[in-house]
Amino acid sequence: MSNSLDADATDVDVSVKIEKDKTVITVKDNGSGMNPEAADQVRKVLHQERRDEIENYYGILAGNSMTASGLNLVGMLVDDATVESRLGEGTSITVIRLNK
């Protein structure tokens, strides 16, 4: 959400769906958007292999400004993600975490 505000978004929608087998979180904004290369970089970060030991150690810090990269930690804590962005129109990022 802080990235949305940094991108001059005036409308940020956050959706959390908790289902039996997964949790789906979507952040959608009307900010400045990303160019295709930047969106690809975000996809790479979010598609890291899930590392449960990271959650045990850093889980409470994910997204904290004190960490080197909150997005990097999120990428290690989720099972799937989608990134859609258009310059001048905004961005939608969805992360999916399968329930244990």
C-alpha atoms as a PDB file:
ATOM      1  CA  MET A   1       0.000   0.000   0.000  1.00  0.00           C
ATOM      2  CA  SER A   2       2.855   2.382   0.650  1.00  0.00           C
ATOM      3  CA  ASN A   3       3.999   1.864  -2.947  1.00  0.00           C
ATOM      4  CA  SER A   4       0.522   2.898  -4.095  1.00  0.00           C
ATOM      5  CA  LEU A   5       0.792   6.117  -2.132  1.00  0.00           C
ATOM      6  CA  ASP A   6       4.322   6.708  -3.453  1.00  0.00           C
ATOM      7  CA  ALA A   7       2.862   6.347  -6.976  1.00  0.00           C
ATOM      8  CA  ASP A   8       0.439   9.228  -6.277  1.00  0.00           C
ATOM      9  CA  ALA A   9      -2.618   6.972  -6.078  1.00  0.00           C
ATOM     10  CA  THR A  10      -5.800   8.676  -4.930  1.00  0.00           C
ATOM     11  CA  ASP A  11      -7.771   5.422  -4.748  1.00  0.00           C
ATOM     12  CA  VAL A  12      -6.340   2.249  -3.194  1.00  0.00           C
ATOM     13  CA  ASP A  13      -8.502  -0.855  -2.807  1.00  0.00           C
ATOM     14  CA  VAL A  14      -7.357  -3.721  -0.605  1.00  0.00           C
ATOM     15  CA  SER A  15      -9.186  -7.035  -0.708  1.00  0.00           C
ATOM     16  CA  VAL A  16      -8.543 -10.025   1.541  1.00  0.00           C
ATOM     17  CA  LYS A  17     -10.341 -13.308   0.854  1.00  0.00           C
ATOM     18  CA  ILE A  18      -9.834 -16.128   3.304  1.00  0.00           C
ATOM     19  CA  GLU A  19     -10.884 -19.407   1.756  1.00  0.00           C
ATOM     20  CA  LYS A  20     -10.649 -22.966   3.007  1.00  0.00           C
ATOM     21  CA  ASP A  21      -7.440 -23.734   1.122  1.00  0.00           C
ATOM     22  CA  LYS A  22      -5.868 -20.306   0.557  1.00  0.00           C
ATOM     23  CA  THR A  23      -5.759 -16.628   1.400  1.00  0.00           C
ATOM     24  CA  VAL A  24      -5.864 -14.127  -1.469  1.00  0.00           C
ATOM     25  CA  ILE A  25      -4.789 -10.508  -0.965  1.00  0.00           C
ATOM     26  CA  THR A  26      -5.190  -7.914  -3.720  1.00  0.00           C
ATOM     27  CA  VAL A  27      -4.005  -4.307  -3.701  1.00  0.00           C
ATOM     28  CA  LYS A  28      -5.271  -2.222  -6.612  1.00  0.00           C
ATOM     29  CA  ASP A  29      -4.553   1.467  -7.159  1.00  0.00           C
ATOM     30  CA  ASN A  30      -4.973   4.260  -9.682  1.00  0.00           C
ATOM     31  CA  GLY A  31      -1.405   5.511  -9.279  1.00  0.00           C
ATOM     32  CA  SER A  32       1.197   6.205 -11.934  1.00  0.00           C
ATOM     33  CA  GLY A  33       1.652   2.523 -12.783  1.00  0.00           C
ATOM     34  CA  MET A  34       4.846   0.748 -13.806  1.00  0.00           C
ATOM     35  CA  ASN A  35       6.579   0.256 -17.103  1.00  0.00           C
ATOM     36  CA  PRO A  36       6.738  -3.377 -18.308  1.00  0.00           C
ATOM     37  CA  GLU A  37      10.325  -3.831 -17.110  1.00  0.00           C
ATOM     38  CA  ALA A  38       9.515  -2.674 -13.572  1.00  0.00           C
ATOM     39  CA  ALA A  39       6.423  -4.905 -13.468  1.00  0.00           C
ATOM     40  CA  ASP A  40       8.580  -7.864 -14.563  1.00  0.00           C
ATOM     41  CA  GLN A  41      11.028  -7.130 -11.729  1.00  0.00           C
ATOM     42  CA  VAL A  42       8.173  -7.131  -9.208  1.00  0.00           C
ATOM     43  CA  ARG A  43       6.922 -10.449 -10.632  1.00  0.00           C
ATOM     44  CA  LYS A  44      10.391 -11.977 -10.202  1.00  0.00           C
ATOM     45  CA  VAL A  45      10.589 -10.836  -6.589  1.00  0.00           C
ATOM     46  CA  LEU A  46       7.110 -12.175  -5.822  1.00  0.00           C
ATOM     47  CA  HIS A  47       7.747 -15.527  -7.511  1.00  0.00           C
ATOM     48  CA  GLN A  48      10.564 -16.618  -5.240  1.00  0.00           C
ATOM     49  CA  GLU A  49      10.390 -20.059  -3.732  1.00  0.00           C
ATOM     50  CA  ARG A  50       8.287 -20.070  -0.566  1.00  0.00           C
ATOM     51  CA  ARG A  51      10.505 -20.329   2.489  1.00  0.00           C
ATOM     52  CA  ASP A  52       8.635 -21.184   5.659  1.00  0.00           C
ATOM     53  CA  GLU A  53      11.734 -20.671   7.805  1.00  0.00           C
ATOM     54  CA  ILE A  54      11.658 -17.009   6.751  1.00  0.00           C
ATOM     55  CA  GLU A  55       8.144 -16.709   8.146  1.00  0.00           C
ATOM     56  CA  ASN A  56       9.243 -18.203  11.430  1.00  0.00           C
ATOM     57  CA  TYR A  57      12.065 -15.673  11.741  1.00  0.00           C
ATOM     58  CA  TYR A  58      10.938 -12.596   9.796  1.00  0.00           C
ATOM     59  CA  GLY A  59       7.194 -13.046   9.312  1.00  0.00           C
ATOM     60  CA  ILE A  60       6.275 -10.193  11.614  1.00  0.00           C
ATOM     61  CA  LEU A  61       8.668  -7.885   9.763  1.00  0.00           C
ATOM     62  CA  ALA A  62       7.275  -8.383   6.244  1.00  0.00           C
ATOM     63  CA  GLY A  63       6.569  -4.963   4.867  1.00  0.00           C
ATOM     64  CA  ASN A  64       8.248  -3.194   7.787  1.00  0.00           C
ATOM     65  CA  SER A  65      10.306  -0.216   6.673  1.00  0.00           C
ATOM     66  CA  MET A  66      13.154  -1.433   8.857  1.00  0.00           C
ATOM     67  CA  THR A  67      13.726  -4.461   6.613  1.00  0.00           C
ATOM     68  CA  ALA A  68      15.883  -4.255   3.508  1.00  0.00           C
ATOM     69  CA  SER A  69      12.928  -5.053   1.282  1.00  0.00           C
ATOM     70  CA  GLY A  70       9.435  -5.791   2.527  1.00  0.00           C
ATOM     71  CA  LEU A  71       8.452  -6.916  -0.965  1.00  0.00           C
ATOM     72  CA  ASN A  72      11.360  -9.361  -0.983  1.00  0.00           C
ATOM     73  CA  LEU A  73      10.101 -10.935   2.244  1.00  0.00           C
ATOM     74  CA  VAL A  74       6.544 -11.090   0.923  1.00  0.00           C
ATOM     75  CA  GLY A  75       7.872 -12.937  -2.135  1.00  0.00           C
ATOM     76  CA  MET A  76       9.347 -15.600   0.136  1.00  0.00           C
ATOM     77  CA  LEU A  77       6.109 -15.983   2.094  1.00  0.00           C
ATOM     78  CA  VAL A  78       3.557 -16.473  -0.697  1.00  0.00           C
ATOM     79  CA  ASP A  79       2.854 -19.299  -3.115  1.00  0.00           C
ATOM     80  CA  ASP A  80       1.719 -17.331  -6.174  1.00  0.00           C
ATOM     81  CA  ALA A  81       1.325 -13.748  -7.327  1.00  0.00           C
ATOM     82  CA  THR A  82       0.066 -11.702 -10.259  1.00  0.00           C
ATOM     83  CA  VAL A  83       1.102  -8.192 -11.245  1.00  0.00           C
ATOM     84  CA  GLU A  84      -0.852  -6.057 -13.699  1.00  0.00           C
ATOM     85  CA  SER A  85       0.222  -2.485 -14.344  1.00  0.00           C
ATOM     86  CA  ARG A  86      -0.189   0.209 -16.968  1.00  0.00           C
ATOM     87  CA  LEU A  87       1.640   3.507 -16.992  1.00  0.00           C
ATOM     88  CA  GLY A  88      -0.700   6.322 -16.105  1.00  0.00           C
ATOM     89  CA  GLU A  89      -3.494   3.934 -15.086  1.00  0.00           C
ATOM     90  CA  GLY A  90      -2.351   2.104 -11.973  1.00  0.00           C
ATOM     91  CA  THR A  91      -1.370  -1.288 -10.669  1.00  0.00           C
ATOM     92  CA  SER A  92      -3.041  -4.405  -9.307  1.00  0.00           C
ATOM     93  CA  ILE A  93      -1.012  -6.950  -7.330  1.00  0.00           C
ATOM     94  CA  THR A  94      -2.511 -10.176  -6.012  1.00  0.00           C
ATOM     95  CA  VAL A  95      -0.664 -12.571  -3.733  1.00  0.00           C
ATOM     96  CA  ILE A  96      -1.881 -16.054  -2.860  1.00  0.00           C
ATOM     97  CA  ARG A  97      -0.826 -18.059   0.147  1.00  0.00           C
ATOM     98  CA  LEU A  98      -1.905 -21.669   0.423  1.00  0.00           C
ATOM     99  CA  ASN A  99      -3.056 -22.690   3.876  1.00  0.00           C
ATOM    100  CA  LYS A 100      -1.002 -25.339   5.613  1.00  0.00           C
END
